[in-house]
Amino acid sequence: MVPRWQRQLKEYGEALIIAVILALIIRSSVLQAFKIPSGSMLETLQIGDHLLVNKFIYGLKFPFTNWVLLNIDDPEHGDIIVFQFPKNPSQDYIKRVIGTPGDVIEIRDKVVYRNGEKLDEPYLRFADPHIEKTTRDNFGPITVPEHKFFVMGDNRDESYDSRWWGFVDREKILGKAWIIYWSWGGVDSVRLGRIGNLVR
């Protein structure tokens, strides 16, 4: 007869394994925590914001892969998305969707035009008031290819985004930024007013 403590140990072990598997599946396919490491999305997202990313909203993927089992929706203009950085897929980036497939994007003297219409972007921050005749402030026009997206940071002068490295593949998009669950600027600087805010 197996001792009671061995049976209990086996039960605890099985429960722990199941819990770990479920947690990994949820992280891979439903929700994932993400920390903001840079200021490219200021003022919308602060350095030190911790947020949850909804991975299910754009489709159900087979756990631990980019294979889409169920395509639910596609990113829309203005969505803040987390994606695998095209130049290094081991890094996750977060930016705002400016162009979807078929859109024509052009930037003239810091102003973004989509399909010939000037965008209303009240969330923008500019660190440098000067206009440069470079990709930063003047770009395009360029048409967003099928299955790809054009993204930019809200801190427009200090964002490394599609102006520099191109488009984001649809299959590389991990999810949509959803809610801030923690925010701090240091050990003695918890930003309580940001906790629970939806990301827009």
C-alpha atoms as a PDB file:
ATOM      1  CA  MET A   1       0.000   0.000   0.000  1.00  0.00           C
ATOM      2  CA  VAL A   2       1.329   3.436  -1.001  1.00  0.00           C
ATOM      3  CA  PRO A   3       1.831   5.723   2.008  1.00  0.00           C
ATOM      4  CA  ARG A   4      -0.546   8.670   2.278  1.00  0.00           C
ATOM      5  CA  TRP A   5       2.235  11.249   2.067  1.00  0.00           C
ATOM      6  CA  GLN A   6       3.392   9.789  -1.258  1.00  0.00           C
ATOM      7  CA  ARG A   7      -0.141   9.967  -2.674  1.00  0.00           C
ATOM      8  CA  GLN A   8      -0.463  13.574  -1.535  1.00  0.00           C
ATOM      9  CA  LEU A   9       2.934  14.440  -2.975  1.00  0.00           C
ATOM     10  CA  LYS A  10       1.900  12.930  -6.315  1.00  0.00           C
ATOM     11  CA  GLU A  11      -1.392  14.863  -6.284  1.00  0.00           C
ATOM     12  CA  TYR A  12       0.397  18.143  -5.488  1.00  0.00           C
ATOM     13  CA  GLY A  13       2.924  17.467  -8.234  1.00  0.00           C
ATOM     14  CA  GLU A  14       0.202  16.771 -10.800  1.00  0.00           C
ATOM     15  CA  ALA A  15      -1.718  19.900  -9.769  1.00  0.00           C
ATOM     16  CA  LEU A  16       1.442  21.998 -10.048  1.00  0.00           C
ATOM     17  CA  ILE A  17       2.248  20.638 -13.516  1.00  0.00           C
ATOM     18  CA  ILE A  18      -1.307  21.336 -14.733  1.00  0.00           C
ATOM     19  CA  ALA A  19      -1.182  24.860 -13.267  1.00  0.00           C
ATOM     20  CA  VAL A  20       2.126  25.593 -15.007  1.00  0.00           C
ATOM     21  CA  ILE A  21       0.834  24.268 -18.348  1.00  0.00           C
ATOM     22  CA  LEU A  22      -2.350  26.347 -18.077  1.00  0.00           C
ATOM     23  CA  ALA A  23      -0.346  29.460 -17.161  1.00  0.00           C
ATOM     24  CA  LEU A  24       1.924  28.971 -20.168  1.00  0.00           C
ATOM     25  CA  ILE A  25      -1.037  28.484 -22.507  1.00  0.00           C
ATOM     26  CA  ILE A  26      -2.738  31.627 -21.148  1.00  0.00           C
ATOM     27  CA  ARG A  27       0.480  33.623 -21.548  1.00  0.00           C
ATOM     28  CA  SER A  28       0.998  32.306 -25.058  1.00  0.00           C
ATOM     29  CA  SER A  29      -2.558  32.723 -26.340  1.00  0.00           C
ATOM     30  CA  VAL A  30      -4.651  35.010 -24.104  1.00  0.00           C
ATOM     31  CA  LEU A  31      -2.845  37.536 -21.882  1.00  0.00           C
ATOM     32  CA  GLN A  32       0.760  38.563 -21.385  1.00  0.00           C
ATOM     33  CA  ALA A  33       2.410  41.093 -19.090  1.00  0.00           C
ATOM     34  CA  PHE A  34       4.624  43.716 -20.716  1.00  0.00           C
ATOM     35  CA  LYS A  35       6.847  46.438 -19.238  1.00  0.00           C
ATOM     36  CA  ILE A  36       7.537  49.752 -20.982  1.00  0.00           C
ATOM     37  CA  PRO A  37      11.334  50.119 -21.160  1.00  0.00           C
ATOM     38  CA  SER A  38      11.675  53.317 -23.216  1.00  0.00           C
ATOM     39  CA  GLY A  39      10.069  56.694 -23.827  1.00  0.00           C
ATOM     40  CA  SER A  40       9.014  56.150 -27.444  1.00  0.00           C
ATOM     41  CA  MET A  41       5.304  56.119 -26.480  1.00  0.00           C
ATOM     42  CA  LEU A  42       5.317  59.155 -24.148  1.00  0.00           C
ATOM     43  CA  GLU A  43       3.028  60.627 -22.950  1.00  0.00           C
ATOM     44  CA  THR A  44       0.569  57.788 -23.563  1.00  0.00           C
ATOM     45  CA  LEU A  45       2.814  55.208 -21.905  1.00  0.00           C
ATOM     46  CA  GLN A  46       5.426  56.088 -19.303  1.00  0.00           C
ATOM     47  CA  ILE A  47       8.731  54.328 -18.711  1.00  0.00           C
ATOM     48  CA  GLY A  48       7.988  51.837 -15.953  1.00  0.00           C
ATOM     49  CA  ASP A  49       4.353  51.232 -16.883  1.00  0.00           C
ATOM     50  CA  HIS A  50       3.434  47.546 -16.580  1.00  0.00           C
ATOM     51  CA  LEU A  51       0.525  46.507 -18.742  1.00  0.00           C
ATOM     52  CA  LEU A  52      -1.434  43.514 -19.878  1.00  0.00           C
ATOM     53  CA  VAL A  53      -1.555  42.695 -23.568  1.00  0.00           C
ATOM     54  CA  ASN A  54      -4.677  41.049 -24.980  1.00  0.00           C
ATOM     55  CA  LYS A  55      -3.332  38.341 -27.286  1.00  0.00           C
ATOM     56  CA  PHE A  56      -6.730  36.829 -28.063  1.00  0.00           C
ATOM     57  CA  ILE A  57      -8.311  39.945 -29.601  1.00  0.00           C
ATOM     58  CA  TYR A  58      -6.614  39.531 -32.991  1.00  0.00           C
ATOM     59  CA  GLY A  59      -6.926  35.763 -33.160  1.00  0.00           C
ATOM     60  CA  LEU A  60      -6.278  32.513 -31.378  1.00  0.00           C
ATOM     61  CA  LYS A  61      -2.792  31.167 -32.023  1.00  0.00           C
ATOM     62  CA  PHE A  62      -1.493  27.687 -31.440  1.00  0.00           C
ATOM     63  CA  PRO A  63       0.438  27.925 -28.147  1.00  0.00           C
ATOM     64  CA  PHE A  64       4.122  28.902 -28.460  1.00  0.00           C
ATOM     65  CA  THR A  65       3.876  29.496 -32.236  1.00  0.00           C
ATOM     66  CA  ASN A  66       2.695  32.155 -34.710  1.00  0.00           C
ATOM     67  CA  TRP A  67       0.201  29.748 -36.288  1.00  0.00           C
ATOM     68  CA  VAL A  68      -3.243  31.328 -36.266  1.00  0.00           C
ATOM     69  CA  LEU A  69      -5.994  28.834 -35.432  1.00  0.00           C
ATOM     70  CA  LEU A  70      -8.827  31.378 -35.484  1.00  0.00           C
ATOM     71  CA  ASN A  71      -8.557  34.849 -37.026  1.00  0.00           C
ATOM     72  CA  ILE A  72     -10.885  37.044 -34.947  1.00  0.00           C
ATOM     73  CA  ASP A  73      -9.992  40.586 -36.006  1.00  0.00           C
ATOM     74  CA  ASP A  74      -7.175  42.687 -37.443  1.00  0.00           C
ATOM     75  CA  PRO A  75      -5.464  45.693 -35.876  1.00  0.00           C
ATOM     76  CA  GLU A  76      -7.193  48.988 -36.621  1.00  0.00           C
ATOM     77  CA  HIS A  77      -5.982  52.559 -36.958  1.00  0.00           C
ATOM     78  CA  GLY A  78      -4.955  53.881 -33.549  1.00  0.00           C
ATOM     79  CA  ASP A  79      -4.525  50.498 -31.857  1.00  0.00           C
ATOM     80  CA  ILE A  80      -1.448  50.240 -29.658  1.00  0.00           C
ATOM     81  CA  ILE A  81       0.103  46.870 -30.412  1.00  0.00           C
ATOM     82  CA  VAL A  82       2.934  44.694 -29.161  1.00  0.00           C
ATOM     83  CA  PHE A  83       4.870  42.836 -31.847  1.00  0.00           C
ATOM     84  CA  GLN A  84       8.101  41.023 -32.541  1.00  0.00           C
ATOM     85  CA  PHE A  85      10.658  43.544 -33.767  1.00  0.00           C
ATOM     86  CA  PRO A  86      11.302  42.778 -37.464  1.00  0.00           C
ATOM     87  CA  LYS A  87      15.072  43.254 -37.120  1.00  0.00           C
ATOM     88  CA  ASN A  88      15.288  41.008 -34.049  1.00  0.00           C
ATOM     89  CA  PRO A  89      12.235  38.781 -33.344  1.00  0.00           C
ATOM     90  CA  SER A  90      13.523  38.018 -29.833  1.00  0.00           C
ATOM     91  CA  GLN A  91      12.663  41.621 -28.879  1.00  0.00           C
ATOM     92  CA  ASP A  92       9.106  42.856 -28.354  1.00  0.00           C
ATOM     93  CA  TYR A  93       8.198  46.411 -29.411  1.00  0.00           C
ATOM     94  CA  ILE A  94       5.122  48.508 -28.716  1.00  0.00           C
ATOM     95  CA  LYS A  95       3.827  51.174 -31.135  1.00  0.00           C
ATOM     96  CA  ARG A  96       0.609  52.669 -32.488  1.00  0.00           C
ATOM     97  CA  VAL A  97      -0.931  51.477 -35.767  1.00  0.00           C
ATOM     98  CA  ILE A  98      -0.897  54.323 -38.281  1.00  0.00           C
ATOM     99  CA  GLY A  99      -1.364  52.416 -41.529  1.00  0.00           C
ATOM    100  CA  THR A 100      -3.192  49.185 -42.376  1.00  0.00           C
ATOM    101  CA  PRO A 101      -2.936  47.194 -45.636  1.00  0.00           C
ATOM    102  CA  GLY A 102      -3.649  49.392 -48.669  1.00  0.00           C
ATOM    103  CA  ASP A 103      -3.184  52.727 -46.882  1.00  0.00           C
ATOM    104  CA  VAL A 104      -0.922  55.363 -48.399  1.00  0.00           C
ATOM    105  CA  ILE A 105       1.190  56.983 -45.679  1.00  0.00           C
ATOM    106  CA  GLU A 106       3.055  60.252 -46.071  1.00  0.00           C
ATOM    107  CA  ILE A 107       4.754  62.568 -43.570  1.00  0.00           C
ATOM    108  CA  ARG A 108       5.290  66.233 -44.443  1.00  0.00           C
ATOM    109  CA  ASP A 109       7.065  68.441 -41.896  1.00  0.00           C
ATOM    110  CA  LYS A 110       6.124  66.134 -38.991  1.00  0.00           C
ATOM    111  CA  VAL A 111       2.452  65.947 -40.054  1.00  0.00           C
ATOM    112  CA  VAL A 112       1.142  62.476 -40.972  1.00  0.00           C
ATOM    113  CA  TYR A 113      -1.265  62.019 -43.869  1.00  0.00           C
ATOM    114  CA  ARG A 114      -3.146  58.789 -44.514  1.00  0.00           C
ATOM    115  CA  ASN A 115      -4.697  58.420 -47.951  1.00  0.00           C
ATOM    116  CA  GLY A 116      -4.233  62.149 -48.464  1.00  0.00           C
ATOM    117  CA  GLU A 117      -5.967  63.200 -45.235  1.00  0.00           C
ATOM    118  CA  LYS A 118      -4.180  64.803 -42.297  1.00  0.00           C
ATOM    119  CA  LEU A 119      -4.411  62.707 -39.144  1.00  0.00           C
ATOM    120  CA  ASP A 120      -5.814  64.117 -35.918  1.00  0.00           C
ATOM    121  CA  GLU A 121      -3.313  62.884 -33.328  1.00  0.00           C
ATOM    122  CA  PRO A 122      -3.963  64.552 -29.950  1.00  0.00           C
ATOM    123  CA  TYR A 123      -1.706  62.038 -28.186  1.00  0.00           C
ATOM    124  CA  LEU A 124       1.481  63.238 -29.919  1.00  0.00           C
ATOM    125  CA  ARG A 125       4.595  64.561 -28.236  1.00  0.00           C
ATOM    126  CA  PHE A 126       7.427  66.326 -30.056  1.00  0.00           C
ATOM    127  CA  ALA A 127      10.807  66.643 -28.361  1.00  0.00           C
ATOM    128  CA  ASP A 128      12.380  68.730 -31.133  1.00  0.00           C
ATOM    129  CA  PRO A 129      10.492  71.707 -32.630  1.00  0.00           C
ATOM    130  CA  HIS A 130      12.844  71.891 -35.632  1.00  0.00           C
ATOM    131  CA  ILE A 131      11.850  70.383 -38.962  1.00  0.00           C
ATOM    132  CA  GLU A 132      14.432  68.095 -40.518  1.00  0.00           C
ATOM    133  CA  LYS A 133      14.532  67.093 -44.166  1.00  0.00           C
ATOM    134  CA  THR A 134      15.051  63.490 -43.101  1.00  0.00           C
ATOM    135  CA  THR A 135      13.000  60.343 -42.721  1.00  0.00           C
ATOM    136  CA  ARG A 136      12.055  61.474 -39.233  1.00  0.00           C
ATOM    137  CA  ASP A 137      10.000  64.472 -40.374  1.00  0.00           C
ATOM    138  CA  ASN A 138       9.441  63.847 -44.105  1.00  0.00           C
ATOM    139  CA  PHE A 139       8.614  60.415 -45.421  1.00  0.00           C
ATOM    140  CA  GLY A 140       6.828  58.711 -48.278  1.00  0.00           C
ATOM    141  CA  PRO A 141       4.359  58.507 -49.765  1.00  0.00           C
ATOM    142  CA  ILE A 142       4.384  54.748 -49.370  1.00  0.00           C
ATOM    143  CA  THR A 143       1.649  52.129 -49.694  1.00  0.00           C
ATOM    144  CA  VAL A 144       1.256  49.575 -46.911  1.00  0.00           C
ATOM    145  CA  PRO A 145       1.461  46.079 -48.462  1.00  0.00           C
ATOM    146  CA  GLU A 146      -1.020  43.280 -47.870  1.00  0.00           C
ATOM    147  CA  HIS A 147      -0.700  41.566 -44.466  1.00  0.00           C
ATOM    148  CA  LYS A 148       1.544  44.347 -43.143  1.00  0.00           C
ATOM    149  CA  PHE A 149       1.156  47.392 -40.871  1.00  0.00           C
ATOM    150  CA  PHE A 150       2.842  50.775 -40.520  1.00  0.00           C
ATOM    151  CA  VAL A 151       3.448  51.763 -36.897  1.00  0.00           C
ATOM    152  CA  MET A 152       4.827  54.813 -35.103  1.00  0.00           C
ATOM    153  CA  GLY A 153       5.565  55.902 -31.558  1.00  0.00           C
ATOM    154  CA  ASP A 154       3.593  58.732 -29.932  1.00  0.00           C
ATOM    155  CA  ASN A 155       6.847  60.430 -28.897  1.00  0.00           C
ATOM    156  CA  ARG A 156       7.343  61.092 -32.554  1.00  0.00           C
ATOM    157  CA  ASP A 157      10.835  62.635 -32.559  1.00  0.00           C
ATOM    158  CA  GLU A 158      12.313  59.915 -30.356  1.00  0.00           C
ATOM    159  CA  SER A 159      10.736  56.763 -31.717  1.00  0.00           C
ATOM    160  CA  TYR A 160      12.478  54.048 -33.711  1.00  0.00           C
ATOM    161  CA  ASP A 161       9.565  52.838 -35.833  1.00  0.00           C
ATOM    162  CA  SER A 162       8.331  52.011 -39.343  1.00  0.00           C
ATOM    163  CA  ARG A 163       9.944  55.157 -40.740  1.00  0.00           C
ATOM    164  CA  TRP A 164      13.311  53.533 -40.127  1.00  0.00           C
ATOM    165  CA  TRP A 165      12.873  49.766 -40.402  1.00  0.00           C
ATOM    166  CA  GLY A 166       9.716  49.193 -42.425  1.00  0.00           C
ATOM    167  CA  PHE A 167       6.471  47.338 -41.862  1.00  0.00           C
ATOM    168  CA  VAL A 168       5.242  44.875 -39.242  1.00  0.00           C
ATOM    169  CA  ASP A 169       4.084  41.496 -40.543  1.00  0.00           C
ATOM    170  CA  ARG A 170       0.583  40.517 -39.420  1.00  0.00           C
ATOM    171  CA  GLU A 171       1.844  37.192 -38.048  1.00  0.00           C
ATOM    172  CA  LYS A 172       4.407  38.982 -35.847  1.00  0.00           C
ATOM    173  CA  ILE A 173       1.770  40.963 -33.948  1.00  0.00           C
ATOM    174  CA  LEU A 174       1.418  39.539 -30.442  1.00  0.00           C
ATOM    175  CA  GLY A 175      -1.585  41.496 -29.218  1.00  0.00           C
ATOM    176  CA  LYS A 176      -3.191  44.793 -28.267  1.00  0.00           C
ATOM    177  CA  ALA A 177      -2.149  46.799 -25.211  1.00  0.00           C
ATOM    178  CA  TRP A 178      -5.091  46.660 -22.816  1.00  0.00           C
ATOM    179  CA  ILE A 179      -4.665  47.922 -19.253  1.00  0.00           C
ATOM    180  CA  ILE A 180      -1.961  49.293 -16.943  1.00  0.00           C
ATOM    181  CA  TYR A 181      -1.770  47.122 -13.827  1.00  0.00           C
ATOM    182  CA  TRP A 182       1.287  48.744 -12.226  1.00  0.00           C
ATOM    183  CA  SER A 183       3.360  51.855 -12.795  1.00  0.00           C
ATOM    184  CA  TRP A 184       6.434  53.241 -11.136  1.00  0.00           C
ATOM    185  CA  GLY A 185       9.311  55.515 -11.942  1.00  0.00           C
ATOM    186  CA  GLY A 186      11.575  54.092  -9.244  1.00  0.00           C
ATOM    187  CA  VAL A 187      11.603  52.559  -5.766  1.00  0.00           C
ATOM    188  CA  ASP A 188       9.945  55.618  -4.195  1.00  0.00           C
ATOM    189  CA  SER A 189       7.807  56.679  -7.156  1.00  0.00           C
ATOM    190  CA  VAL A 190       4.686  54.524  -7.526  1.00  0.00           C
ATOM    191  CA  ARG A 191       2.229  56.186  -9.930  1.00  0.00           C
ATOM    192  CA  LEU A 192      -1.042  55.095  -8.331  1.00  0.00           C
ATOM    193  CA  GLY A 193      -3.119  57.297 -10.635  1.00  0.00           C
ATOM    194  CA  ARG A 194      -2.085  55.234 -13.657  1.00  0.00           C
ATOM    195  CA  ILE A 195      -2.969  51.827 -12.227  1.00  0.00           C
ATOM    196  CA  GLY A 196      -6.136  50.459 -13.819  1.00  0.00           C
ATOM    197  CA  ASN A 197      -6.069  52.869 -16.764  1.00  0.00           C
ATOM    198  CA  LEU A 198      -7.039  51.436 -20.136  1.00  0.00           C
ATOM    199  CA  VAL A 199      -4.432  51.943 -22.855  1.00  0.00           C
ATOM    200  CA  ARG A 200      -5.715  54.160 -25.667  1.00  0.00           C
END
